[in-house]
PDB file of N, CA and C in Angstrom:
ATOM      1  N   MET A   1      12.689 -41.442   2.999  1.00  0.00           N
ATOM      2  CA  MET A   1      11.665 -40.751   2.248  1.00  0.00           C
ATOM      3  C   MET A   1      12.274 -39.466   1.679  1.00  0.00           C
ATOM      4  N   GLU A   2      12.161 -39.297   0.393  1.00  0.00           N
ATOM      5  CA  GLU A   2      12.696 -38.125  -0.271  1.00  0.00           C
ATOM      6  C   GLU A   2      11.594 -37.083  -0.464  1.00  0.00           C
ATOM      7  N   ILE A   3      11.912 -35.837  -0.152  1.00  0.00           N
ATOM      8  CA  ILE A   3      10.965 -34.739  -0.350  1.00  0.00           C
ATOM      9  C   ILE A   3      11.388 -33.994  -1.604  1.00  0.00           C
ATOM     10  N   LEU A   4      10.504 -33.947  -2.563  1.00  0.00           N
ATOM     11  CA  LEU A   4      10.797 -33.275  -3.825  1.00  0.00           C
ATOM     12  C   LEU A   4      10.277 -31.843  -3.794  1.00  0.00           C
ATOM     13  N   PRO A   5      10.952 -30.945  -4.483  1.00  0.00           N
ATOM     14  CA  PRO A   5      10.464 -29.559  -4.509  1.00  0.00           C
ATOM     15  C   PRO A   5       9.162 -29.443  -5.290  1.00  0.00           C
ATOM     16  N   PHE A   6       8.379 -28.470  -4.918  1.00  0.00           N
ATOM     17  CA  PHE A   6       7.110 -28.208  -5.599  1.00  0.00           C
ATOM     18  C   PHE A   6       7.265 -26.936  -6.412  1.00  0.00           C
ATOM     19  N   HIS A   7       7.106 -27.038  -7.700  1.00  0.00           N
ATOM     20  CA  HIS A   7       7.204 -25.875  -8.573  1.00  0.00           C
ATOM     21  C   HIS A   7       5.861 -25.661  -9.256  1.00  0.00           C
ATOM     22  N   MET A   8       5.371 -24.437  -9.170  1.00  0.00           N
ATOM     23  CA  MET A   8       4.107 -24.098  -9.801  1.00  0.00           C
ATOM     24  C   MET A   8       4.385 -23.013 -10.827  1.00  0.00           C
ATOM     25  N   ASP A   9       4.094 -23.299 -12.071  1.00  0.00           N
ATOM     26  CA  ASP A   9       4.389 -22.364 -13.154  1.00  0.00           C
ATOM     27  C   ASP A   9       3.248 -21.389 -13.435  1.00  0.00           C
ATOM     28  N   HIS A  10       2.080 -21.665 -12.880  1.00  0.00           N
ATOM     29  CA  HIS A  10       0.913 -20.859 -13.220  1.00  0.00           C
ATOM     30  C   HIS A  10       0.118 -20.553 -11.956  1.00  0.00           C
ATOM     31  N   VAL A  11      -0.255 -19.296 -11.809  1.00  0.00           N
ATOM     32  CA  VAL A  11      -1.136 -18.898 -10.715  1.00  0.00           C
ATOM     33  C   VAL A  11      -2.493 -18.585 -11.338  1.00  0.00           C
ATOM     34  N   PRO A  12      -3.532 -19.263 -10.879  1.00  0.00           N
ATOM     35  CA  PRO A  12      -4.864 -19.012 -11.454  1.00  0.00           C
ATOM     36  C   PRO A  12      -5.290 -17.560 -11.297  1.00  0.00           C
ATOM     37  N   GLU A  13      -6.006 -17.071 -12.280  1.00  0.00           N
ATOM     38  CA  GLU A  13      -6.476 -15.686 -12.303  1.00  0.00           C
ATOM     39  C   GLU A  13      -7.287 -15.343 -11.051  1.00  0.00           C
ATOM     40  N   PHE A  14      -8.039 -16.297 -10.544  1.00  0.00           N
ATOM     41  CA  PHE A  14      -8.839 -16.090  -9.335  1.00  0.00           C
ATOM     42  C   PHE A  14      -7.960 -15.633  -8.172  1.00  0.00           C
ATOM     43  N   PHE A  15      -6.803 -16.271  -8.011  1.00  0.00           N
ATOM     44  CA  PHE A  15      -5.911 -15.919  -6.906  1.00  0.00           C
ATOM     45  C   PHE A  15      -5.269 -14.549  -7.116  1.00  0.00           C
ATOM     46  N   ILE A  16      -4.951 -14.225  -8.328  1.00  0.00           N
ATOM     47  CA  ILE A  16      -4.371 -12.915  -8.635  1.00  0.00           C
ATOM     48  C   ILE A  16      -5.374 -11.810  -8.296  1.00  0.00           C
ATOM     49  N   ARG A  17      -6.612 -11.989  -8.717  1.00  0.00           N
ATOM     50  CA  ARG A  17      -7.660 -10.993  -8.417  1.00  0.00           C
ATOM     51  C   ARG A  17      -7.902 -10.880  -6.910  1.00  0.00           C
ATOM     52  N   LYS A  18      -7.915 -12.019  -6.236  1.00  0.00           N
ATOM     53  CA  LYS A  18      -8.124 -12.036  -4.790  1.00  0.00           C
ATOM     54  C   LYS A  18      -7.019 -11.257  -4.077  1.00  0.00           C
ATOM     55  N   CYS A  19      -5.791 -11.436  -4.494  1.00  0.00           N
ATOM     56  CA  CYS A  19      -4.666 -10.695  -3.906  1.00  0.00           C
ATOM     57  C   CYS A  19      -4.787  -9.202  -4.181  1.00  0.00           C
ATOM     58  N   GLU A  20      -5.217  -8.858  -5.368  1.00  0.00           N
ATOM     59  CA  GLU A  20      -5.387  -7.442  -5.708  1.00  0.00           C
ATOM     60  C   GLU A  20      -6.485  -6.801  -4.870  1.00  0.00           C
ATOM     61  N   LEU A  21      -7.620  -7.485  -4.754  1.00  0.00           N
ATOM     62  CA  LEU A  21      -8.769  -6.910  -4.052  1.00  0.00           C
ATOM     63  C   LEU A  21      -8.613  -6.929  -2.531  1.00  0.00           C
ATOM     64  N   GLU A  22      -8.251  -8.072  -1.987  1.00  0.00           N
ATOM     65  CA  GLU A  22      -8.228  -8.215  -0.536  1.00  0.00           C
ATOM     66  C   GLU A  22      -6.929  -7.745   0.104  1.00  0.00           C
ATOM     67  N   LEU A  23      -5.829  -7.878  -0.620  1.00  0.00           N
ATOM     68  CA  LEU A  23      -4.530  -7.538  -0.030  1.00  0.00           C
ATOM     69  C   LEU A  23      -3.916  -6.274  -0.603  1.00  0.00           C
ATOM     70  N   LYS A  24      -4.570  -5.723  -1.626  1.00  0.00           N
ATOM     71  CA  LYS A  24      -4.036  -4.551  -2.333  1.00  0.00           C
ATOM     72  C   LYS A  24      -2.655  -4.840  -2.911  1.00  0.00           C
ATOM     73  N   GLU A  25      -2.479  -6.064  -3.385  1.00  0.00           N
ATOM     74  CA  GLU A  25      -1.205  -6.468  -3.980  1.00  0.00           C
ATOM     75  C   GLU A  25      -1.174  -6.059  -5.443  1.00  0.00           C
ATOM     76  N   SER A  26      -0.172  -5.324  -5.790  1.00  0.00           N
ATOM     77  CA  SER A  26       0.082  -4.964  -7.181  1.00  0.00           C
ATOM     78  C   SER A  26       1.574  -5.204  -7.412  1.00  0.00           C
ATOM     79  N   PRO A  27       2.001  -5.320  -8.654  1.00  0.00           N
ATOM     80  CA  PRO A  27       3.432  -5.529  -8.898  1.00  0.00           C
ATOM     81  C   PRO A  27       4.293  -4.425  -8.260  1.00  0.00           C
ATOM     82  N   GLU A  28       3.835  -3.193  -8.341  1.00  0.00           N
ATOM     83  CA  GLU A  28       4.599  -2.079  -7.768  1.00  0.00           C
ATOM     84  C   GLU A  28       4.648  -2.161  -6.241  1.00  0.00           C
ATOM     85  N   ASN A  29       3.497  -2.417  -5.627  1.00  0.00           N
ATOM     86  CA  ASN A  29       3.422  -2.513  -4.173  1.00  0.00           C
ATOM     87  C   ASN A  29       4.227  -3.708  -3.664  1.00  0.00           C
ATOM     88  N   LYS A  30       4.201  -4.784  -4.415  1.00  0.00           N
ATOM     89  CA  LYS A  30       4.934  -5.983  -4.047  1.00  0.00           C
ATOM     90  C   LYS A  30       6.440  -5.699  -3.999  1.00  0.00           C
ATOM     91  N   VAL A  31       6.971  -5.097  -5.049  1.00  0.00           N
ATOM     92  CA  VAL A  31       8.402  -4.787  -5.127  1.00  0.00           C
ATOM     93  C   VAL A  31       8.794  -3.810  -4.021  1.00  0.00           C
ATOM     94  N   LYS A  32       8.006  -2.759  -3.858  1.00  0.00           N
ATOM     95  CA  LYS A  32       8.282  -1.739  -2.842  1.00  0.00           C
ATOM     96  C   LYS A  32       8.274  -2.347  -1.442  1.00  0.00           C
ATOM     97  N   SER A  33       7.294  -3.170  -1.155  1.00  0.00           N
ATOM     98  CA  SER A  33       7.166  -3.769   0.172  1.00  0.00           C
ATOM     99  C   SER A  33       8.286  -4.770   0.454  1.00  0.00           C
ATOM    100  N   ILE A  34       8.657  -5.548  -0.544  1.00  0.00           N
ATOM    101  CA  ILE A  34       9.765  -6.495  -0.363  1.00  0.00           C
ATOM    102  C   ILE A  34      11.059  -5.749  -0.082  1.00  0.00           C
ATOM    103  N   GLU A  35      11.313  -4.683  -0.821  1.00  0.00           N
ATOM    104  CA  GLU A  35      12.526  -3.890  -0.607  1.00  0.00           C
ATOM    105  C   GLU A  35      12.533  -3.274   0.793  1.00  0.00           C
ATOM    106  N   GLU A  36      11.398  -2.749   1.196  1.00  0.00           N
ATOM    107  CA  GLU A  36      11.289  -2.140   2.528  1.00  0.00           C
ATOM    108  C   GLU A  36      11.501  -3.183   3.626  1.00  0.00           C
ATOM    109  N   LEU A  37      10.903  -4.359   3.448  1.00  0.00           N
ATOM    110  CA  LEU A  37      11.053  -5.434   4.425  1.00  0.00           C
ATOM    111  C   LEU A  37      12.501  -5.916   4.478  1.00  0.00           C
ATOM    112  N   ARG A  38      13.145  -6.078   3.330  1.00  0.00           N
ATOM    113  CA  ARG A  38      14.560  -6.489   3.297  1.00  0.00           C
ATOM    114  C   ARG A  38      15.443  -5.467   4.019  1.00  0.00           C
ATOM    115  N   THR A  39      15.172  -4.186   3.826  1.00  0.00           N
ATOM    116  CA  THR A  39      15.937  -3.138   4.501  1.00  0.00           C
ATOM    117  C   THR A  39      15.778  -3.255   6.011  1.00  0.00           C
ATOM    118  N   MET A  40      14.561  -3.481   6.462  1.00  0.00           N
ATOM    119  CA  MET A  40      14.317  -3.638   7.897  1.00  0.00           C
ATOM    120  C   MET A  40      15.026  -4.876   8.439  1.00  0.00           C
ATOM    121  N   LEU A  41      14.996  -5.968   7.686  1.00  0.00           N
ATOM    122  CA  LEU A  41      15.649  -7.203   8.123  1.00  0.00           C
ATOM    123  C   LEU A  41      17.166  -7.035   8.197  1.00  0.00           C
ATOM    124  N   LYS A  42      17.734  -6.332   7.237  1.00  0.00           N
ATOM    125  CA  LYS A  42      19.191  -6.115   7.233  1.00  0.00           C
ATOM    126  C   LYS A  42      19.628  -5.219   8.382  1.00  0.00           C
ATOM    127  N   SER A  43      18.741  -4.352   8.849  1.00  0.00           N
ATOM    128  CA  SER A  43      19.095  -3.453   9.949  1.00  0.00           C
ATOM    129  C   SER A  43      18.963  -4.123  11.318  1.00  0.00           C
ATOM    130  N   ASP A  44      18.344  -5.292  11.372  1.00  0.00           N
ATOM    131  CA  ASP A  44      18.168  -6.015  12.631  1.00  0.00           C
ATOM    132  C   ASP A  44      19.394  -6.893  12.885  1.00  0.00           C
ATOM    133  N   LYS A  45      20.072  -6.675  14.005  1.00  0.00           N
ATOM    134  CA  LYS A  45      21.317  -7.386  14.299  1.00  0.00           C
ATOM    135  C   LYS A  45      21.128  -8.887  14.490  1.00  0.00           C
ATOM    136  N   LYS A  46      19.961  -9.322  14.908  1.00  0.00           N
ATOM    137  CA  LYS A  46      19.714 -10.740  15.136  1.00  0.00           C
ATOM    138  C   LYS A  46      19.344 -11.483  13.850  1.00  0.00           C
ATOM    139  N   ILE A  47      18.894 -10.749  12.852  1.00  0.00           N
ATOM    140  CA  ILE A  47      18.370 -11.370  11.625  1.00  0.00           C
ATOM    141  C   ILE A  47      19.220 -11.073  10.401  1.00  0.00           C
ATOM    142  N   ASN A  48      20.072 -10.064  10.447  1.00  0.00           N
ATOM    143  CA  ASN A  48      20.728  -9.561   9.239  1.00  0.00           C
ATOM    144  C   ASN A  48      21.572 -10.587   8.483  1.00  0.00           C
ATOM    145  N   ARG A  49      21.949 -11.681   9.109  1.00  0.00           N
ATOM    146  CA  ARG A  49      22.731 -12.706   8.408  1.00  0.00           C
ATOM    147  C   ARG A  49      21.868 -13.769   7.734  1.00  0.00           C
ATOM    148  N   VAL A  50      20.580 -13.704   7.952  1.00  0.00           N
ATOM    149  CA  VAL A  50      19.664 -14.687   7.355  1.00  0.00           C
ATOM    150  C   VAL A  50      19.262 -14.190   5.971  1.00  0.00           C
ATOM    151  N   ASN A  51      19.373 -15.069   4.988  1.00  0.00           N
ATOM    152  CA  ASN A  51      18.989 -14.727   3.621  1.00  0.00           C
ATOM    153  C   ASN A  51      17.587 -15.289   3.357  1.00  0.00           C
ATOM    154  N   PHE A  52      16.613 -14.407   3.247  1.00  0.00           N
ATOM    155  CA  PHE A  52      15.233 -14.824   3.042  1.00  0.00           C
ATOM    156  C   PHE A  52      14.904 -14.836   1.553  1.00  0.00           C
ATOM    157  N   HIS A  53      14.294 -15.911   1.089  1.00  0.00           N
ATOM    158  CA  HIS A  53      13.836 -15.979  -0.295  1.00  0.00           C
ATOM    159  C   HIS A  53      12.663 -15.019  -0.474  1.00  0.00           C
ATOM    160  N   GLU A  54      12.581 -14.465  -1.645  1.00  0.00           N
ATOM    161  CA  GLU A  54      11.512 -13.507  -1.938  1.00  0.00           C
ATOM    162  C   GLU A  54      10.130 -14.117  -1.716  1.00  0.00           C
ATOM    163  N   ASP A  55       9.961 -15.373  -2.109  1.00  0.00           N
ATOM    164  CA  ASP A  55       8.659 -16.034  -1.946  1.00  0.00           C
ATOM    165  C   ASP A  55       8.226 -16.090  -0.484  1.00  0.00           C
ATOM    166  N   LEU A  56       9.180 -16.321   0.405  1.00  0.00           N
ATOM    167  CA  LEU A  56       8.855 -16.369   1.829  1.00  0.00           C
ATOM    168  C   LEU A  56       8.438 -14.984   2.328  1.00  0.00           C
ATOM    169  N   LEU A  57       9.151 -13.963   1.896  1.00  0.00           N
ATOM    170  CA  LEU A  57       8.793 -12.597   2.299  1.00  0.00           C
ATOM    171  C   LEU A  57       7.397 -12.227   1.798  1.00  0.00           C
ATOM    172  N   VAL A  58       7.063 -12.646   0.595  1.00  0.00           N
ATOM    173  CA  VAL A  58       5.729 -12.375   0.046  1.00  0.00           C
ATOM    174  C   VAL A  58       4.657 -13.053   0.904  1.00  0.00           C
ATOM    175  N   GLN A  59       4.932 -14.253   1.376  1.00  0.00           N
ATOM    176  CA  GLN A  59       3.954 -14.944   2.221  1.00  0.00           C
ATOM    177  C   GLN A  59       3.707 -14.180   3.519  1.00  0.00           C
ATOM    178  N   TYR A  60       4.775 -13.674   4.125  1.00  0.00           N
ATOM    179  CA  TYR A  60       4.606 -12.859   5.336  1.00  0.00           C
ATOM    180  C   TYR A  60       3.853 -11.574   5.021  1.00  0.00           C
ATOM    181  N   LEU A  61       4.165 -10.948   3.899  1.00  0.00           N
ATOM    182  CA  LEU A  61       3.468  -9.715   3.512  1.00  0.00           C
ATOM    183  C   LEU A  61       1.989  -9.981   3.248  1.00  0.00           C
ATOM    184  N   ARG A  62       1.683 -11.068   2.584  1.00  0.00           N
ATOM    185  CA  ARG A  62       0.278 -11.399   2.319  1.00  0.00           C
ATOM    186  C   ARG A  62      -0.462 -11.680   3.616  1.00  0.00           C
ATOM    187  N   ARG A  63       0.195 -12.388   4.519  1.00  0.00           N
ATOM    188  CA  ARG A  63      -0.431 -12.723   5.801  1.00  0.00           C
ATOM    189  C   ARG A  63      -0.811 -11.462   6.570  1.00  0.00           C
ATOM    190  N   SER A  64      -0.007 -10.419   6.433  1.00  0.00           N
ATOM    191  CA  SER A  64      -0.267  -9.178   7.166  1.00  0.00           C
ATOM    192  C   SER A  64      -0.935  -8.108   6.287  1.00  0.00           C
ATOM    193  N   LYS A  65      -1.433  -8.529   5.128  1.00  0.00           N
ATOM    194  CA  LYS A  65      -2.081  -7.624   4.169  1.00  0.00           C
ATOM    195  C   LYS A  65      -1.175  -6.452   3.811  1.00  0.00           C
ATOM    196  N   TYR A  66       0.079  -6.786   3.559  1.00  0.00           N
ATOM    197  CA  TYR A  66       1.107  -5.834   3.116  1.00  0.00           C
ATOM    198  C   TYR A  66       1.412  -4.744   4.137  1.00  0.00           C
ATOM    199  N   ASP A  67       1.236  -5.068   5.396  1.00  0.00           N
ATOM    200  CA  ASP A  67       1.699  -4.200   6.479  1.00  0.00           C
ATOM    201  C   ASP A  67       3.141  -4.622   6.762  1.00  0.00           C
ATOM    202  N   VAL A  68       4.098  -3.848   6.278  1.00  0.00           N
ATOM    203  CA  VAL A  68       5.512  -4.233   6.337  1.00  0.00           C
ATOM    204  C   VAL A  68       5.995  -4.346   7.780  1.00  0.00           C
ATOM    205  N   LYS A  69       5.587  -3.427   8.621  1.00  0.00           N
ATOM    206  CA  LYS A  69       6.016  -3.469  10.027  1.00  0.00           C
ATOM    207  C   LYS A  69       5.496  -4.718  10.729  1.00  0.00           C
ATOM    208  N   LYS A  70       4.275  -5.083  10.433  1.00  0.00           N
ATOM    209  CA  LYS A  70       3.684  -6.283  11.019  1.00  0.00           C
ATOM    210  C   LYS A  70       4.410  -7.535  10.502  1.00  0.00           C
ATOM    211  N   SER A  71       4.727  -7.565   9.218  1.00  0.00           N
ATOM    212  CA  SER A  71       5.467  -8.680   8.637  1.00  0.00           C
ATOM    213  C   SER A  71       6.837  -8.819   9.292  1.00  0.00           C
ATOM    214  N   PHE A  72       7.512  -7.689   9.480  1.00  0.00           N
ATOM    215  CA  PHE A  72       8.820  -7.671  10.117  1.00  0.00           C
ATOM    216  C   PHE A  72       8.738  -8.254  11.528  1.00  0.00           C
ATOM    217  N   LYS A  73       7.749  -7.842  12.278  1.00  0.00           N
ATOM    218  CA  LYS A  73       7.565  -8.338  13.643  1.00  0.00           C
ATOM    219  C   LYS A  73       7.294  -9.842  13.656  1.00  0.00           C
ATOM    220  N   GLN A  74       6.513 -10.325  12.699  1.00  0.00           N
ATOM    221  CA  GLN A  74       6.223 -11.764  12.619  1.00  0.00           C
ATOM    222  C   GLN A  74       7.492 -12.563  12.329  1.00  0.00           C
ATOM    223  N   ILE A  75       8.338 -12.041  11.454  1.00  0.00           N
ATOM    224  CA  ILE A  75       9.594 -12.727  11.141  1.00  0.00           C
ATOM    225  C   ILE A  75      10.503 -12.712  12.366  1.00  0.00           C
ATOM    226  N   GLN A  76      10.574 -11.582  13.064  1.00  0.00           N
ATOM    227  CA  GLN A  76      11.372 -11.512  14.289  1.00  0.00           C
ATOM    228  C   GLN A  76      10.892 -12.558  15.298  1.00  0.00           C
ATOM    229  N   ASN A  77       9.587 -12.668  15.458  1.00  0.00           N
ATOM    230  CA  ASN A  77       9.028 -13.648  16.396  1.00  0.00           C
ATOM    231  C   ASN A  77       9.364 -15.072  15.980  1.00  0.00           C
ATOM    232  N   CYS A  78       9.275 -15.356  14.701  1.00  0.00           N
ATOM    233  CA  CYS A  78       9.587 -16.694  14.194  1.00  0.00           C
ATOM    234  C   CYS A  78      11.057 -17.053  14.464  1.00  0.00           C
ATOM    235  N   ILE A  79      11.953 -16.116  14.202  1.00  0.00           N
ATOM    236  CA  ILE A  79      13.379 -16.352  14.440  1.00  0.00           C
ATOM    237  C   ILE A  79      13.641 -16.535  15.930  1.00  0.00           C
ATOM    238  N   ALA A  80      12.995 -15.745  16.773  1.00  0.00           N
ATOM    239  CA  ALA A  80      13.168 -15.850  18.225  1.00  0.00           C
ATOM    240  C   ALA A  80      12.724 -17.224  18.728  1.00  0.00           C
ATOM    241  N   VAL A  81      11.589 -17.703  18.243  1.00  0.00           N
ATOM    242  CA  VAL A  81      11.098 -19.030  18.647  1.00  0.00           C
ATOM    243  C   VAL A  81      12.065 -20.105  18.173  1.00  0.00           C
ATOM    244  N   ARG A  82      12.542 -19.964  16.962  1.00  0.00           N
ATOM    245  CA  ARG A  82      13.477 -20.956  16.414  1.00  0.00           C
ATOM    246  C   ARG A  82      14.764 -21.024  17.239  1.00  0.00           C
ATOM    247  N   LYS A  83      15.259 -19.873  17.688  1.00  0.00           N
ATOM    248  CA  LYS A  83      16.468 -19.844  18.521  1.00  0.00           C
ATOM    249  C   LYS A  83      16.191 -20.374  19.918  1.00  0.00           C
ATOM    250  N   LYS A  84      15.071 -19.967  20.496  1.00  0.00           N
ATOM    251  CA  LYS A  84      14.734 -20.365  21.859  1.00  0.00           C
ATOM    252  C   LYS A  84      14.428 -21.859  21.956  1.00  0.00           C
ATOM    253  N   GLN A  85      13.785 -22.395  20.943  1.00  0.00           N
ATOM    254  CA  GLN A  85      13.396 -23.812  20.929  1.00  0.00           C
ATOM    255  C   GLN A  85      14.148 -24.566  19.829  1.00  0.00           C
ATOM    256  N   ALA A  86      15.441 -24.385  19.763  1.00  0.00           N
ATOM    257  CA  ALA A  86      16.268 -24.955  18.691  1.00  0.00           C
ATOM    258  C   ALA A  86      16.122 -26.470  18.571  1.00  0.00           C
ATOM    259  N   THR A  87      15.908 -27.152  19.678  1.00  0.00           N
ATOM    260  CA  THR A  87      15.799 -28.616  19.624  1.00  0.00           C
ATOM    261  C   THR A  87      14.586 -29.065  18.814  1.00  0.00           C
ATOM    262  N   LEU A  88      13.550 -28.254  18.764  1.00  0.00           N
ATOM    263  CA  LEU A  88      12.364 -28.613  17.994  1.00  0.00           C
ATOM    264  C   LEU A  88      12.624 -28.571  16.495  1.00  0.00           C
ATOM    265  N   PHE A  89      13.641 -27.809  16.078  1.00  0.00           N
ATOM    266  CA  PHE A  89      13.912 -27.603  14.672  1.00  0.00           C
ATOM    267  C   PHE A  89      15.107 -28.403  14.155  1.00  0.00           C
ATOM    268  N   LYS A  90      15.688 -29.232  15.025  1.00  0.00           N
ATOM    269  CA  LYS A  90      16.817 -30.058  14.593  1.00  0.00           C
ATOM    270  C   LYS A  90      16.324 -31.193  13.708  1.00  0.00           C
ATOM    271  N   LYS A  91      17.136 -31.510  12.723  1.00  0.00           N
ATOM    272  CA  LYS A  91      16.795 -32.595  11.820  1.00  0.00           C
ATOM    273  C   LYS A  91      17.133 -33.927  12.481  1.00  0.00           C
ATOM    274  N   HIS A  92      16.155 -34.786  12.571  1.00  0.00           N
ATOM    275  CA  HIS A  92      16.355 -36.105  13.173  1.00  0.00           C
ATOM    276  C   HIS A  92      16.329 -37.157  12.075  1.00  0.00           C
ATOM    277  N   SER A  93      17.257 -38.082  12.179  1.00  0.00           N
ATOM    278  CA  SER A  93      17.265 -39.142  11.153  1.00  0.00           C
ATOM    279  C   SER A  93      16.865 -40.466  11.715  1.00  0.00           C
TER     280      SER A  93
END
């Protein structure tokens, strides 16, 4: 079974407004928060070699309503679980 990538070229206006109102997401806040989160990730010795895509970082930021420290902690927890339970994440054929 082949898994194809999903590309979405358009975000409905409803979702953009929802992010602005509920998450206080703006282009400026988004860029600033991503940069701050990347800086925190690079300073962490356990995570600094992992290259995170911007889209993934945005998902963590949205989940925490742009609380960068909370997003950082969630990523740390995710990496810790992945290392501790590595067998669960192995690709099986």
